[in-house]
Protein backbone atom coordinates (compact mmCIF):
# COMPACT_ATOMS: atom_id res chain seq x y z
CA MET A 1 -17.98 216.86 -30.67
CA SER A 2 -18.08 213.75 -28.50
CA PRO A 3 -18.53 214.05 -24.71
CA GLU A 4 -14.97 212.79 -24.19
CA SER A 5 -13.51 215.68 -26.21
CA THR A 6 -15.67 218.40 -24.66
CA PRO A 7 -13.47 220.70 -22.59
CA ALA A 8 -14.16 220.53 -18.87
CA GLU A 9 -15.78 223.48 -17.18
CA PRO A 10 -13.14 225.76 -15.70
CA LEU A 11 -12.88 225.54 -11.94
CA PRO A 12 -14.45 228.58 -10.25
CA GLU A 13 -11.81 230.96 -8.86
CA TYR A 14 -13.07 230.58 -5.28
CA ALA A 15 -12.88 226.79 -5.57
CA GLU A 16 -9.28 227.03 -6.80
CA ARG A 17 -8.39 229.14 -3.77
CA VAL A 18 -10.07 226.74 -1.31
CA LEU A 19 -8.39 223.70 -2.87
CA ASP A 20 -5.01 225.48 -2.78
CA VAL A 21 -5.40 225.97 0.98
CA ALA A 22 -6.38 222.31 1.45
CA GLU A 23 -3.22 221.25 -0.40
CA ARG A 24 -1.06 223.43 1.87
CA ILE A 25 -2.24 221.84 5.13
CA PRO A 26 0.62 219.64 6.36
CA PRO A 27 0.09 215.92 6.95
CA GLY A 28 -1.15 215.30 10.48
CA ARG A 29 -2.75 218.75 10.73
CA VAL A 30 -6.26 220.06 9.96
CA MET A 31 -8.15 223.30 9.35
CA THR A 32 -11.89 223.75 9.84
CA TYR A 33 -14.16 224.89 7.03
CA GLY A 34 -14.42 228.23 8.84
CA ASP A 35 -10.63 228.44 9.25
CA VAL A 36 -10.18 228.08 5.50
CA ALA A 37 -12.76 230.80 4.79
CA GLU A 38 -11.17 233.10 7.37
CA TRP A 39 -7.68 232.45 6.03
CA LEU A 40 -8.92 233.34 2.53
CA GLY A 41 -10.80 236.37 3.86
CA ASP A 42 -13.75 235.32 1.74
CA GLY A 43 -16.85 233.18 2.08
CA GLY A 44 -17.79 231.10 5.08
CA PRO A 45 -17.83 227.50 6.30
CA ARG A 46 -20.76 226.52 4.10
CA GLN A 47 -19.11 227.86 0.95
CA VAL A 48 -15.88 226.01 1.78
CA GLY A 49 -17.85 222.83 2.53
CA ARG A 50 -19.65 223.11 -0.80
CA VAL A 51 -16.35 223.49 -2.67
CA MET A 52 -14.89 220.50 -0.85
CA SER A 53 -17.95 218.37 -1.59
CA LEU A 54 -17.94 219.24 -5.31
CA TYR A 55 -14.22 219.49 -6.08
CA GLY A 56 -12.24 218.21 -3.08
CA GLY A 57 -11.61 214.64 -4.21
CA ALA A 58 -8.25 215.49 -5.80
CA VAL A 59 -6.82 217.18 -2.69
CA PRO A 60 -6.31 215.93 0.89
CA TRP A 61 -9.99 216.52 1.76
CA TRP A 62 -9.64 214.79 5.14
CA ARG A 63 -7.56 217.75 6.38
CA VAL A 64 -10.52 220.18 6.09
CA VAL A 65 -12.88 219.28 8.92
CA ARG A 66 -15.82 220.24 11.09
CA SER A 67 -14.95 222.47 14.04
CA GLY A 68 -15.90 219.83 16.62
CA GLY A 69 -13.47 217.26 15.22
CA ALA A 70 -16.13 214.73 14.18
CA LEU A 71 -15.16 212.65 11.16
CA LEU A 72 -16.99 213.34 7.89
CA PRO A 73 -20.20 211.26 7.86
CA GLY A 74 -20.05 208.54 5.23
CA HIS A 75 -16.27 208.84 4.94
CA GLU A 76 -15.25 208.01 8.52
CA GLN A 77 -13.25 204.86 7.78
CA GLU A 78 -11.36 206.36 4.83
CA ALA A 79 -10.60 209.56 6.76
CA LEU A 80 -9.54 207.59 9.84
CA ALA A 81 -7.07 205.58 7.74
CA HIS A 82 -5.54 208.85 6.49
CA TYR A 83 -5.38 210.33 10.01
CA ARG A 84 -3.66 207.25 11.38
CA ALA A 85 -1.19 207.11 8.49
CA GLU A 86 -0.34 210.80 8.94
CA GLY A 87 -0.22 210.73 12.75
CA THR A 88 -3.06 213.21 13.17
CA PRO A 89 -3.84 213.61 16.90
CA LEU A 90 -7.11 211.84 17.72
CA ARG A 91 -9.27 211.59 20.82
CA THR A 92 -10.52 208.14 21.71
CA ALA A 93 -14.27 207.76 21.54
CA SER A 94 -16.14 206.91 24.69
CA ARG A 95 -17.90 203.57 24.88
CA ALA A 96 -21.20 205.46 24.70
CA ALA A 97 -20.27 207.07 21.37
CA ALA A 98 -22.12 205.65 18.39
CA GLY A 99 -19.75 203.29 16.59
CA HIS A 100 -16.95 204.23 19.00
CA MET A 101 -15.52 206.51 16.30
CA PRO A 102 -12.68 208.74 17.51
CA LYS A 103 -12.63 212.49 16.90
CA ILE A 104 -9.79 214.72 15.84
CA ASP A 105 -8.01 216.33 18.79
CA MET A 106 -8.57 219.87 17.53
CA ALA A 107 -6.37 221.48 20.20
CA ARG A 108 -3.37 219.54 18.92
CA ALA A 109 -4.18 219.00 15.23
CA ARG A 110 -5.46 222.43 14.19
CA TRP A 111 -3.14 224.30 11.83
CA ASP A 112 -3.10 228.09 11.67
CA GLY A 113 -1.61 228.34 8.19
CA ALA A 114 1.32 230.39 9.48
CA SER A 115 4.11 227.82 9.20
CA GLY A 116 4.84 224.60 7.39
CA ASP A 117 4.20 222.33 10.35
CA GLY A 118 2.17 224.54 12.64
CA ALA A 119 5.13 225.12 14.97
CA PRO A 120 6.17 228.69 15.87
CA ARG A 121 8.42 230.29 13.27
CA ASP A 122 11.91 231.51 14.15
CA GLY A 123 11.57 234.54 16.40
CA ALA A 124 7.96 233.76 17.26
CA SER A 125 6.98 233.75 20.89
CA GLY A 126 5.25 230.39 20.72
CA ASP A 127 1.90 232.03 21.55
CA PRO A 128 -0.52 230.09 19.34
CA ASP A 129 -2.61 233.24 18.78
CA GLU A 130 0.29 235.45 17.72
CA GLY A 131 0.26 235.98 13.98
CA ALA A 132 -2.35 233.29 13.43
CA HIS A 133 -4.74 233.54 10.51
CA ILE A 134 -7.53 231.86 12.40
C-alpha cells in the first residue's frame, strides 16, 4: 500500500470535540483555551492548546486564544488579519509594547457559548454571568 492510499489516523474524540467548539465561535468573538475546556467539562487549557496546535489548522484557530488576549506567537500577523476582517474588538498596543502588537479586548470579544453572537438570548436578563458556560 502506498503512503497516499494509507487511511489517515482517526481524529481522537477529544480533539473532535475541541474543534467542534472552535467552529461554533462566531466571527469577531473568542474563547480562551480554558473556556473551551470548561465548556466541554473535560480537560484543561493545555489539552485544548495541544489539540489546537496539532489539529486546529482546518478550523478558525484564531478564535481560541490565551486568556490575556495576546496574539499567538509566530502567527500574530495572520491572526491580526482575521481579527480585523471579522471586527474582533482589539486594544491598541502601547508604544512601549514590543512590536506595537495589539491585544484582543477580552471584555468585549469573549464569547460564553450560550448564544450565536454572544448577546443575551430572549428572556435573558443581560447579566453576562447568567447561564454562561464559562
